[in-house]
Amino acid sequence: MIGAKIDKIFAHPFVASMNEHSDGITSFAKSTRHITRFASGDFSGELRFWDLNTKKSLFSIQAHEKVVKGISFDRTGHNILTCGDDNSINVFNVRKCLEFQMEGDGIEPVNKFNSDYLLTSIDCNMEQPYFVTGG
């Protein structure tokens, strides 16, 4: 009986692996605008924006000096907010990042906030243009 249950659990094939990060993934968030888009951050401070249809990274950013602790999309889905071990909150515009990635230029945040305290997570309000951090 147990063997039949284990066979059923492992019967589904592995679909895909998004393995373009250079280090282990620490956080991720799905887009509030597109069902097939999400972002992930890793231990090296890298942020990647993904398309699930193609299973490819559309752009990557060195978002923080150290670990990306939290990621959130704003209510419009046009901006990605990240917080990291460097006690900063960065706001990246998705459209600008996609354009800069195509041109090969460096990508800078459209806004940056510094904190005196350790940041461990970030989330955006879906009704108002506010965000909150935890630490």
Protein backbone atom coordinates (compact mmCIF):
# COMPACT_ATOMS: atom_id res chain seq x y z
CA MET A 1 0.00 0.00 0.00
CA ILE A 2 2.79 2.45 0.88
CA GLY A 3 4.69 1.55 -2.27
CA ALA A 4 1.65 2.39 -4.42
CA LYS A 5 1.36 5.82 -2.78
CA ILE A 6 5.06 6.55 -3.32
CA ASP A 7 4.78 5.50 -6.98
CA LYS A 8 1.84 7.88 -7.37
CA ILE A 9 3.75 10.77 -5.76
CA PHE A 10 6.78 10.33 -8.02
CA ALA A 11 4.80 9.57 -11.18
CA HIS A 12 4.65 13.23 -12.27
CA PRO A 13 7.62 14.26 -14.42
CA PHE A 14 9.88 17.12 -13.44
CA VAL A 15 8.78 20.06 -15.59
CA ALA A 16 11.60 22.62 -15.50
CA SER A 17 14.44 24.11 -13.54
CA MET A 18 15.15 27.84 -13.46
CA ASN A 19 18.84 27.50 -12.67
CA GLU A 20 20.45 30.69 -13.98
CA HIS A 21 21.18 32.06 -10.49
CA SER A 22 24.82 31.97 -9.43
CA ASP A 23 23.91 31.20 -5.80
CA GLY A 24 21.01 29.77 -3.76
CA ILE A 25 17.61 31.47 -4.02
CA THR A 26 16.50 33.32 -0.89
CA SER A 27 13.22 34.93 -1.96
CA PHE A 28 10.76 35.22 -4.82
CA ALA A 29 7.51 36.97 -5.74
CA LYS A 30 4.97 36.65 -8.52
CA SER A 31 3.94 39.58 -10.67
CA THR A 32 0.68 41.32 -9.84
CA ARG A 33 0.25 42.17 -13.54
CA HIS A 34 1.22 39.02 -15.50
CA ILE A 35 0.49 35.46 -14.41
CA THR A 36 3.61 34.07 -16.14
CA ARG A 37 6.15 36.51 -14.66
CA PHE A 38 7.99 36.34 -11.34
CA ALA A 39 11.18 37.59 -9.72
CA SER A 40 13.72 35.80 -7.53
CA GLY A 41 16.68 36.89 -5.45
CA ASP A 42 19.71 34.99 -4.18
CA PHE A 43 22.51 34.98 -1.59
CA SER A 44 24.85 36.97 -3.85
CA GLY A 45 22.44 39.94 -4.12
CA GLU A 46 21.29 39.10 -7.64
CA LEU A 47 17.69 39.73 -8.72
CA ARG A 48 16.27 37.88 -11.75
CA PHE A 49 13.01 38.48 -13.60
CA TRP A 50 11.55 35.35 -15.20
CA ASP A 51 9.07 34.39 -17.91
CA LEU A 52 7.44 31.02 -17.16
CA ASN A 53 6.31 30.51 -20.77
CA THR A 54 9.88 30.40 -22.04
CA LYS A 55 11.44 29.31 -18.71
CA LYS A 56 14.11 31.98 -19.23
CA SER A 57 15.39 34.92 -17.24
CA LEU A 58 14.47 38.18 -19.00
CA PHE A 59 16.95 40.27 -17.01
CA SER A 60 19.25 40.09 -14.02
CA ILE A 61 20.35 42.89 -11.70
CA GLN A 62 22.92 43.14 -8.94
CA ALA A 63 20.24 44.53 -6.60
CA HIS A 64 22.17 44.38 -3.30
CA GLU A 65 25.72 43.99 -2.04
CA LYS A 66 24.74 40.92 -0.05
CA VAL A 67 21.68 38.68 0.33
CA VAL A 68 18.32 39.64 -1.20
CA LYS A 69 16.01 39.17 1.80
CA GLY A 70 12.66 40.11 0.28
CA ILE A 71 10.96 40.86 -3.04
CA SER A 72 7.55 42.32 -3.82
CA PHE A 73 5.78 43.73 -6.86
CA ASP A 74 3.84 46.95 -6.42
CA ARG A 75 0.09 47.04 -6.99
CA THR A 76 0.50 47.99 -10.66
CA GLY A 77 3.07 45.28 -11.39
CA HIS A 78 5.34 47.87 -13.02
CA ASN A 79 7.88 48.01 -10.17
CA ILE A 80 9.83 45.43 -8.19
CA LEU A 81 10.81 46.31 -4.62
CA THR A 82 13.67 44.48 -2.92
CA CYS A 83 15.26 44.61 0.51
CA GLY A 84 18.62 43.16 1.44
CA ASP A 85 21.33 42.60 4.00
CA ASP A 86 22.83 45.98 3.10
CA ASN A 87 19.84 47.60 4.91
CA SER A 88 18.51 49.15 1.71
CA ILE A 89 15.24 49.02 -0.21
CA ASN A 90 15.56 49.29 -3.98
CA VAL A 91 12.78 50.00 -6.46
CA PHE A 92 13.30 48.78 -10.04
CA ASN A 93 11.01 49.63 -12.96
CA VAL A 94 10.41 46.45 -14.98
CA ARG A 95 10.08 48.21 -18.34
CA LYS A 96 13.30 50.19 -17.85
CA CYS A 97 15.14 47.05 -16.76
CA LEU A 98 13.99 45.19 -19.88
CA GLU A 99 15.13 48.10 -22.09
CA PHE A 100 18.51 48.44 -20.35
CA GLN A 101 19.11 44.69 -20.54
CA MET A 102 18.64 44.81 -24.32
CA GLU A 103 21.11 47.70 -24.64
CA GLY A 104 23.61 46.08 -22.28
CA ASP A 105 23.80 49.10 -19.97
CA GLY A 106 23.98 49.01 -16.19
CA ILE A 107 20.65 48.94 -14.40
CA GLU A 108 20.15 51.32 -11.48
CA PRO A 109 17.14 51.48 -9.14
CA VAL A 110 14.60 54.22 -9.84
CA ASN A 111 14.43 54.82 -6.10
CA LYS A 112 16.47 53.72 -3.09
CA PHE A 113 15.77 53.91 0.64
CA ASN A 114 18.25 53.22 3.43
CA SER A 115 17.33 51.82 6.82
CA ASP A 116 19.09 51.99 10.17
CA TYR A 117 17.70 48.56 10.97
CA LEU A 118 18.05 45.04 9.61
CA LEU A 119 15.48 44.27 6.91
CA THR A 120 14.21 40.72 6.45
CA SER A 121 11.11 41.08 4.27
CA ILE A 122 9.07 43.50 2.17
CA ASP A 123 5.47 43.60 0.98
CA CYS A 124 3.33 46.07 -0.97
CA ASN A 125 -0.22 47.19 -0.29
CA MET A 126 -2.54 46.25 -3.16
CA GLU A 127 -4.96 49.13 -2.46
CA GLN A 128 -2.61 52.06 -1.80
CA PRO A 129 0.92 52.89 -3.08
CA TYR A 130 2.59 51.86 0.20
CA PHE A 131 5.03 49.17 1.25
CA VAL A 132 6.03 47.67 4.57
CA THR A 133 9.21 45.94 5.73
CA GLY A 134 9.93 43.53 8.54
CA GLY A 135 13.07 43.08 10.52
